Amino acid sequence: MTRVLGQTDLAAKQSAVDEHGSLRNIRIEGVRFRPTRPAPHEDGYLTEVARASWEILDAPVVQVHSTTTFPGRVRAWGLHRAITDRLFVASGLVKLVVFDGRQGSPTFGLITEVVIGEKNPGLLIIPPSLYHGWKNIGPSDAIIINMPDKMYNYESPDALHLSWDSEKARALIPYRW
């Protein structure tokens, strides 16, 4: 084999998917991903976001909302005590990150990082008590659709936030955007 300058500093590249097309790095208990695909037709494309027949949707869709994240911006860290988030990136390119801070969890301390976008669509399920957030890594606004399993309660929101760039977040969550 030919020797190459810097060869000892190179690392083997790992595929993000396995031989069946499933994402490899969904390592946190309860986090699931269902890939979808754009189906072309003569006028453009159709991409399914959710279907009641999908096993991954183990509770009815009770609310749908979208959020826009500007290019380069981070939206993290969020956590719900009782709500499961079901996220779909409708446009743009987003790096979604989940951290398991659940004491006693078999995946405690692990990070799951996935890149999802309009060209790699899919539904990401994030159960309660997991820190999660995303960064728009694309050149245009990213639109993320959420279909939580419980409706938002305006009087008592199940939405906790820890600013991603705070000292507390840096001490607690072993991830840097």
Protein backbone atom coordinates (compact mmCIF):
# COMPACT_ATOMS: atom_id res chain seq x y z
CA MET A 1 0.00 0.00 0.00
CA THR A 2 1.25 3.48 -0.84
CA ARG A 3 2.17 5.61 2.16
CA VAL A 4 0.42 8.98 2.25
CA LEU A 5 1.49 12.09 4.10
CA GLY A 6 -0.75 12.49 7.20
CA GLN A 7 -2.02 8.91 6.94
CA THR A 8 -1.70 8.29 10.68
CA ASP A 9 -4.04 11.23 11.34
CA LEU A 10 -6.83 9.95 9.10
CA ALA A 11 -9.91 8.23 10.54
CA ALA A 12 -12.13 5.73 8.75
CA LYS A 13 -15.40 7.27 7.62
CA GLN A 14 -18.55 5.69 9.05
CA SER A 15 -21.79 5.44 7.10
CA ALA A 16 -24.77 7.19 8.71
CA VAL A 17 -27.05 4.33 7.62
CA ASP A 18 -26.92 0.55 7.75
CA GLU A 19 -27.47 -1.82 4.82
CA HIS A 20 -31.27 -1.42 5.17
CA GLY A 21 -31.13 2.39 5.11
CA SER A 22 -31.84 2.79 8.84
CA LEU A 23 -29.93 5.47 10.73
CA ARG A 24 -27.10 3.99 12.80
CA ASN A 25 -26.81 6.61 15.48
CA ILE A 26 -30.26 6.41 17.12
CA ARG A 27 -28.83 5.12 20.39
CA ILE A 28 -31.07 6.64 23.07
CA GLU A 29 -33.85 4.49 24.48
CA GLY A 30 -37.23 5.64 23.18
CA VAL A 31 -35.90 7.85 20.38
CA ARG A 32 -37.09 6.55 17.03
CA PHE A 33 -36.80 7.64 13.41
CA ARG A 34 -38.98 6.68 10.47
CA PRO A 35 -37.49 7.70 7.14
CA THR A 36 -39.87 8.88 4.46
CA ARG A 37 -39.18 9.68 0.86
CA PRO A 38 -40.40 12.18 -1.69
CA ALA A 39 -42.58 10.45 -4.27
CA PRO A 40 -42.22 12.18 -7.63
CA HIS A 41 -45.18 12.95 -9.85
CA GLU A 42 -45.56 15.07 -12.98
CA ASP A 43 -46.20 18.25 -10.96
CA GLY A 44 -43.45 17.82 -8.36
CA TYR A 45 -43.15 15.65 -5.25
CA LEU A 46 -45.34 14.39 -2.43
CA THR A 47 -43.79 13.47 0.94
CA GLU A 48 -45.83 11.86 3.68
CA VAL A 49 -45.29 13.46 7.08
CA ALA A 50 -47.39 11.08 9.21
CA ARG A 51 -49.94 8.28 8.78
CA ALA A 52 -52.15 6.73 11.44
CA SER A 53 -51.05 3.30 10.20
CA TRP A 54 -47.38 3.91 11.07
CA GLU A 55 -46.39 1.94 14.18
CA ILE A 56 -44.12 4.78 15.23
CA LEU A 57 -47.23 6.91 15.92
CA ASP A 58 -48.46 5.14 19.03
CA ALA A 59 -50.77 8.03 20.01
CA PRO A 60 -53.13 10.13 17.89
CA VAL A 61 -52.04 13.42 16.36
CA VAL A 62 -53.81 16.05 18.52
CA GLN A 63 -51.98 19.20 17.47
CA VAL A 64 -49.71 20.27 14.61
CA HIS A 65 -47.50 23.34 14.67
CA SER A 66 -44.50 24.56 12.77
CA THR A 67 -41.50 26.61 13.80
CA THR A 68 -39.00 28.43 11.63
CA THR A 69 -35.30 28.56 12.47
CA PHE A 70 -33.03 30.99 10.66
CA PRO A 71 -29.75 29.79 9.04
CA GLY A 72 -26.98 29.18 11.56
CA ARG A 73 -29.28 29.56 14.56
CA VAL A 74 -29.54 27.06 17.41
CA ARG A 75 -32.78 26.23 19.18
CA ALA A 76 -31.88 24.20 22.28
CA TRP A 77 -32.21 22.78 24.92
CA GLY A 78 -35.87 21.87 25.37
CA LEU A 79 -37.38 19.18 27.57
CA HIS A 80 -40.92 17.99 28.27
CA ARG A 81 -42.01 16.09 31.36
CA ALA A 82 -45.05 14.40 29.77
CA ILE A 83 -45.13 15.24 26.06
CA THR A 84 -43.58 13.26 23.23
CA ASP A 85 -42.37 15.43 20.35
CA ARG A 86 -42.74 14.12 16.80
CA LEU A 87 -40.57 16.28 14.55
CA PHE A 88 -40.47 16.52 10.78
CA VAL A 89 -38.22 18.92 8.86
CA ALA A 90 -40.42 20.27 6.07
CA SER A 91 -37.75 22.46 4.50
CA GLY A 92 -34.12 23.26 5.07
CA LEU A 93 -31.37 21.17 6.64
CA VAL A 94 -31.26 20.64 10.39
CA LYS A 95 -28.94 18.86 12.80
CA LEU A 96 -31.14 17.50 15.62
CA VAL A 97 -29.50 16.45 18.86
CA VAL A 98 -30.95 14.50 21.80
CA PHE A 99 -29.24 14.06 25.18
CA ASP A 100 -30.36 11.42 27.69
CA GLY A 101 -30.10 12.95 31.15
CA ARG A 102 -32.58 10.48 32.68
CA GLN A 103 -30.93 9.03 35.75
CA GLY A 104 -31.39 5.28 35.76
CA SER A 105 -31.89 5.08 32.00
CA PRO A 106 -29.83 2.39 30.23
CA THR A 107 -28.76 5.09 27.78
CA PHE A 108 -28.04 7.77 30.41
CA GLY A 109 -25.41 10.23 29.21
CA LEU A 110 -25.64 9.32 25.52
CA ILE A 111 -26.06 11.76 22.66
CA THR A 112 -27.98 11.08 19.46
CA GLU A 113 -27.29 13.36 16.53
CA VAL A 114 -29.19 13.16 13.23
CA VAL A 115 -29.24 15.36 10.15
CA ILE A 116 -32.68 15.66 8.61
CA GLY A 117 -33.89 17.80 5.76
CA GLU A 118 -36.17 17.98 2.79
CA LYS A 119 -33.82 15.69 0.81
CA ASN A 120 -33.50 13.25 3.74
CA PRO A 121 -36.98 13.43 5.27
CA GLY A 122 -38.28 11.46 8.20
CA LEU A 123 -40.19 11.58 11.44
CA LEU A 124 -38.13 11.79 14.65
CA ILE A 125 -39.84 10.71 17.87
CA ILE A 126 -38.47 12.20 21.12
CA PRO A 127 -40.10 10.87 24.31
CA PRO A 128 -40.46 12.91 27.52
CA SER A 129 -37.54 13.80 29.80
CA LEU A 130 -34.93 14.03 27.05
CA TYR A 131 -33.05 17.24 26.30
CA HIS A 132 -33.31 18.07 22.63
CA GLY A 133 -32.63 20.84 20.18
CA TRP A 134 -31.43 21.64 16.71
CA LYS A 135 -29.28 23.86 14.57
CA ASN A 136 -30.17 25.02 11.10
CA ILE A 137 -27.07 23.98 9.14
CA GLY A 138 -28.48 24.92 5.74
CA PRO A 139 -28.35 28.20 3.78
CA SER A 140 -32.07 29.02 4.10
CA ASP A 141 -34.79 29.10 6.76
CA ALA A 142 -35.65 25.67 8.16
CA ILE A 143 -39.27 24.79 8.87
CA ILE A 144 -39.84 22.08 11.46
CA ILE A 145 -43.28 20.55 11.98
CA ASN A 146 -44.12 19.12 15.41
CA MET A 147 -47.06 16.82 16.10
CA PRO A 148 -46.86 16.31 19.87
CA ASP A 149 -48.89 13.53 21.44
CA LYS A 150 -50.58 15.96 23.86
CA MET A 151 -52.01 19.43 23.22
CA TYR A 152 -50.14 22.47 24.45
CA ASN A 153 -51.57 23.74 27.73
CA TYR A 154 -51.42 27.53 27.69
CA GLU A 155 -52.05 27.78 31.47
CA SER A 156 -49.46 25.18 32.46
CA PRO A 157 -47.01 24.50 29.60
CA ASP A 158 -45.04 21.25 29.63
CA ALA A 159 -42.08 23.01 28.08
CA LEU A 160 -38.83 23.52 29.94
CA HIS A 161 -35.86 25.35 28.45
CA LEU A 162 -32.14 25.54 29.19
CA SER A 163 -30.32 28.01 26.97
CA TRP A 164 -27.79 26.13 24.85
CA ASP A 165 -25.09 28.75 25.35
CA SER A 166 -25.43 29.04 29.14
CA GLU A 167 -22.81 27.91 31.65
CA LYS A 168 -25.36 25.48 33.12
CA ALA A 169 -25.94 23.84 29.73
CA ARG A 170 -22.18 23.55 29.10
CA ALA A 171 -21.73 21.89 32.51
CA LEU A 172 -24.71 19.55 32.13
CA ILE A 173 -24.84 18.50 28.48
CA PRO A 174 -21.68 17.15 26.80
CA TYR A 175 -22.42 18.66 23.40
CA ARG A 176 -21.15 21.79 21.68
CA TRP A 177 -22.95 23.35 18.76
